[in-house]
C-alpha atoms as a PDB file:
ATOM      1  CA  MET A   1      27.765  27.381  35.706  1.00  0.00           C
ATOM      2  CA  ASP A   2      27.839  23.848  36.998  1.00  0.00           C
ATOM      3  CA  LYS A   3      29.154  21.322  34.455  1.00  0.00           C
ATOM      4  CA  ARG A   4      26.254  18.963  35.152  1.00  0.00           C
ATOM      5  CA  LEU A   5      23.732  21.683  34.330  1.00  0.00           C
ATOM      6  CA  LEU A   6      25.603  22.572  31.148  1.00  0.00           C
ATOM      7  CA  ILE A   7      25.632  18.914  29.999  1.00  0.00           C
ATOM      8  CA  LEU A   8      21.920  18.610  30.788  1.00  0.00           C
ATOM      9  CA  VAL A   9      21.115  21.694  28.674  1.00  0.00           C
ATOM     10  CA  PHE A  10      23.092  20.308  25.706  1.00  0.00           C
ATOM     11  CA  LEU A  11      21.382  16.914  25.962  1.00  0.00           C
ATOM     12  CA  ILE A  12      17.896  18.440  26.044  1.00  0.00           C
ATOM     13  CA  SER A  13      18.537  20.858  23.180  1.00  0.00           C
ATOM     14  CA  GLY A  14      20.197  18.121  21.083  1.00  0.00           C
ATOM     15  CA  PHE A  15      17.234  15.794  21.591  1.00  0.00           C
ATOM     16  CA  ALA A  16      14.714  18.489  20.686  1.00  0.00           C
ATOM     17  CA  PHE A  17      16.453  19.342  17.404  1.00  0.00           C
ATOM     18  CA  SER A  18      17.166  15.751  16.356  1.00  0.00           C
ATOM     19  CA  GLN A  19      13.522  14.816  15.704  1.00  0.00           C
ATOM     20  CA  THR A  20      12.516  15.594  12.131  1.00  0.00           C
ATOM     21  CA  THR A  21       9.337  14.512  10.395  1.00  0.00           C
ATOM     22  CA  VAL A  22       9.485  14.151   6.621  1.00  0.00           C
ATOM     23  CA  THR A  23       6.162  13.860   4.807  1.00  0.00           C
ATOM     24  CA  LEU A  24       5.386  12.474   1.357  1.00  0.00           C
ATOM     25  CA  GLN A  25       4.678  16.023   0.215  1.00  0.00           C
ATOM     26  CA  ASP A  26       8.205  17.037   1.233  1.00  0.00           C
ATOM     27  CA  GLN A  27       9.743  14.116  -0.654  1.00  0.00           C
ATOM     28  CA  CYS A  28       7.835  14.390  -3.941  1.00  0.00           C
ATOM     29  CA  ASN A  29       7.390  18.175  -4.004  1.00  0.00           C
ATOM     30  CA  CYS A  30       3.699  17.582  -4.659  1.00  0.00           C
ATOM     31  CA  GLU A  31       0.337  17.967  -3.004  1.00  0.00           C
ATOM     32  CA  VAL A  32      -1.175  14.813  -1.532  1.00  0.00           C
ATOM     33  CA  LEU A  33      -4.964  14.756  -1.733  1.00  0.00           C
ATOM     34  CA  SER A  34      -7.309  12.144  -0.308  1.00  0.00           C
ATOM     35  CA  GLY A  35     -10.969  11.227  -0.326  1.00  0.00           C
ATOM     36  CA  THR A  36     -13.344   9.137  -2.402  1.00  0.00           C
ATOM     37  CA  ALA A  37     -13.768  11.282  -5.544  1.00  0.00           C
ATOM     38  CA  VAL A  38     -11.221   9.395  -7.684  1.00  0.00           C
ATOM     39  CA  THR A  39     -12.359   5.816  -8.181  1.00  0.00           C
ATOM     40  CA  ALA A  40     -10.839   4.841 -11.537  1.00  0.00           C
ATOM     41  CA  ALA A  41      -7.996   5.847 -13.826  1.00  0.00           C
ATOM     42  CA  GLY A  42      -8.924   8.546 -16.343  1.00  0.00           C
ATOM     43  CA  GLY A  43     -11.025  10.603 -13.955  1.00  0.00           C
ATOM     44  CA  THR A  44     -10.755  14.383 -14.040  1.00  0.00           C
ATOM     45  CA  THR A  45     -12.181  15.334 -10.650  1.00  0.00           C
ATOM     46  CA  PRO A  46     -11.184  16.788  -8.286  1.00  0.00           C
ATOM     47  CA  THR A  47      -9.924  19.632 -10.437  1.00  0.00           C
ATOM     48  CA  GLY A  48      -7.132  22.100  -9.793  1.00  0.00           C
ATOM     49  CA  ALA A  49      -4.330  19.571  -9.398  1.00  0.00           C
ATOM     50  CA  ASP A  50      -0.803  20.204 -10.641  1.00  0.00           C
ATOM     51  CA  ILE A  51       1.232  17.641 -12.592  1.00  0.00           C
ATOM     52  CA  GLY A  52       2.623  15.062 -10.171  1.00  0.00           C
ATOM     53  CA  ASP A  53       0.049  15.598  -7.422  1.00  0.00           C
ATOM     54  CA  ILE A  54      -1.053  12.410  -5.700  1.00  0.00           C
ATOM     55  CA  TYR A  55      -4.559  11.294  -4.734  1.00  0.00           C
ATOM     56  CA  VAL A  56      -5.250   8.507  -2.225  1.00  0.00           C
ATOM     57  CA  ASN A  57      -8.732   6.964  -2.321  1.00  0.00           C
ATOM     58  CA  THR A  58      -9.524   6.498   1.371  1.00  0.00           C
ATOM     59  CA  ASN A  59     -12.041   3.686   0.720  1.00  0.00           C
ATOM     60  CA  THR A  60      -9.862   1.464  -1.472  1.00  0.00           C
ATOM     61  CA  GLY A  61      -6.324   2.625  -0.666  1.00  0.00           C
ATOM     62  CA  VAL A  62      -5.557   2.994  -4.382  1.00  0.00           C
ATOM     63  CA  ILE A  63      -3.072   5.757  -5.221  1.00  0.00           C
ATOM     64  CA  TYR A  64      -3.411   7.892  -8.368  1.00  0.00           C
ATOM     65  CA  PHE A  65      -1.246  10.682  -9.831  1.00  0.00           C
ATOM     66  CA  TRP A  66      -2.248  13.708 -11.919  1.00  0.00           C
ATOM     67  CA  ASP A  67      -0.582  13.592 -15.367  1.00  0.00           C
ATOM     68  CA  GLY A  68      -1.866  17.004 -16.436  1.00  0.00           C
ATOM     69  CA  ASN A  69      -5.066  15.669 -18.025  1.00  0.00           C
ATOM     70  CA  SER A  70      -6.466  13.009 -15.703  1.00  0.00           C
ATOM     71  CA  TRP A  71      -5.855  10.911 -12.586  1.00  0.00           C
ATOM     72  CA  GLU A  72      -3.863   7.780 -13.493  1.00  0.00           C
ATOM     73  CA  LEU A  73      -2.859   4.670 -11.566  1.00  0.00           C
ATOM     74  CA  THR A  74       0.584   4.718  -9.999  1.00  0.00           C
ATOM     75  CA  SER A  75       0.952   0.998 -10.709  1.00  0.00           C
ATOM     76  CA  SER A  76      -0.972  -1.812 -12.308  1.00  0.00           C
ATOM     77  CA  ASP A  77      -2.258  -5.083 -10.957  1.00  0.00           C
ATOM     78  CA  ASN A  78      -1.881  -8.305 -12.917  1.00  0.00           C
ATOM     79  CA  GLN A  79      -5.378  -9.726 -12.596  1.00  0.00           C
ATOM     80  CA  GLN A  80      -5.719 -13.427 -11.896  1.00  0.00           C
ATOM     81  CA  LEU A  81      -8.070 -15.545 -14.020  1.00  0.00           C
ATOM     82  CA  GLN A  82     -10.855 -16.963 -11.840  1.00  0.00           C
ATOM     83  CA  ASN A  83     -13.145 -18.670 -14.371  1.00  0.00           C
ATOM     84  CA  PHE A  84     -13.886 -18.888 -18.088  1.00  0.00           C
ATOM     85  CA  ASN A  85     -16.850 -20.058 -20.168  1.00  0.00           C
ATOM     86  CA  PHE A  86     -17.259 -20.579 -23.900  1.00  0.00           C
ATOM     87  CA  ASN A  87     -20.696 -20.052 -25.450  1.00  0.00           C
ATOM     88  CA  GLY A  88     -20.807 -22.127 -28.647  1.00  0.00           C
ATOM     89  CA  ALA A  89     -24.032 -20.513 -29.827  1.00  0.00           C
ATOM     90  CA  THR A  90     -22.502 -17.019 -29.891  1.00  0.00           C
ATOM     91  CA  ASN A  91     -18.823 -18.048 -30.237  1.00  0.00           C
ATOM     92  CA  SER A  92     -18.057 -15.852 -27.245  1.00  0.00           C
ATOM     93  CA  LEU A  93     -15.437 -16.531 -24.575  1.00  0.00           C
ATOM     94  CA  GLU A  94     -16.175 -14.956 -21.191  1.00  0.00           C
ATOM     95  CA  LEU A  95     -13.304 -14.565 -18.727  1.00  0.00           C
ATOM     96  CA  THR A  96     -13.862 -13.733 -15.065  1.00  0.00           C
ATOM     97  CA  ILE A  97     -10.881 -12.168 -13.331  1.00  0.00           C
ATOM     98  CA  GLU A  98     -10.334 -11.316  -9.686  1.00  0.00           C
ATOM     99  CA  ASN A  99     -12.544  -8.736  -7.977  1.00  0.00           C
ATOM    100  CA  GLY A 100     -15.524  -9.884 -10.068  1.00  0.00           C
ATOM    101  CA  ASN A 101     -14.474  -8.180 -13.309  1.00  0.00           C
ATOM    102  CA  THR A 102     -15.599  -9.926 -16.503  1.00  0.00           C
ATOM    103  CA  VAL A 103     -14.178  -9.669 -20.017  1.00  0.00           C
ATOM    104  CA  SER A 104     -15.923 -11.068 -23.110  1.00  0.00           C
ATOM    105  CA  VAL A 105     -14.050 -11.989 -26.275  1.00  0.00           C
ATOM    106  CA  ASP A 106     -15.936 -12.406 -29.557  1.00  0.00           C
ATOM    107  CA  LEU A 107     -14.421 -15.387 -31.400  1.00  0.00           C
ATOM    108  CA  SER A 108     -17.004 -15.537 -34.211  1.00  0.00           C
ATOM    109  CA  ALA A 109     -14.453 -14.294 -36.771  1.00  0.00           C
ATOM    110  CA  LEU A 110     -12.525 -17.530 -36.205  1.00  0.00           C
ATOM    111  CA  ASN A 111     -15.512 -19.680 -37.226  1.00  0.00           C
ATOM    112  CA  ASN A 112     -14.628 -20.578 -40.817  1.00  0.00           C
ATOM    113  CA  ALA A 113     -16.645 -23.771 -41.256  1.00  0.00           C
ATOM    114  CA  GLY A 114     -15.382 -26.011 -44.081  1.00  0.00           C
ATOM    115  CA  THR A 115     -12.001 -24.285 -44.536  1.00  0.00           C
ATOM    116  CA  ASP A 116     -10.027 -26.197 -41.945  1.00  0.00           C
ATOM    117  CA  ASP A 117     -10.268 -29.980 -41.973  1.00  0.00           C
ATOM    118  CA  GLN A 118      -7.770 -30.840 -39.279  1.00  0.00           C
END
């Protein structure tokens, strides 16, 4: 056999075997699911997942994992404060954080008129 042909065969076979694709499922030994069914932490659908399975919401890109009881966030996001308002009539503080989420805090228990004269 011609040496050039032999070298060509080794180059082609070496190139064909050197390409390996590793998926997330291979790395985590889990099933990776996707869709729009899981939209918040604590959800229980879709069912039939095994502990450690991953779910990617295809609308938001948020990744959840199955802890055996529910789908939970893989990480958290420190929300940024956008605005706050205090309602003196109700002694309520309303905080608006990023993405339009609002949190209200009832401060009426702190209203002890006449006990603090500073």
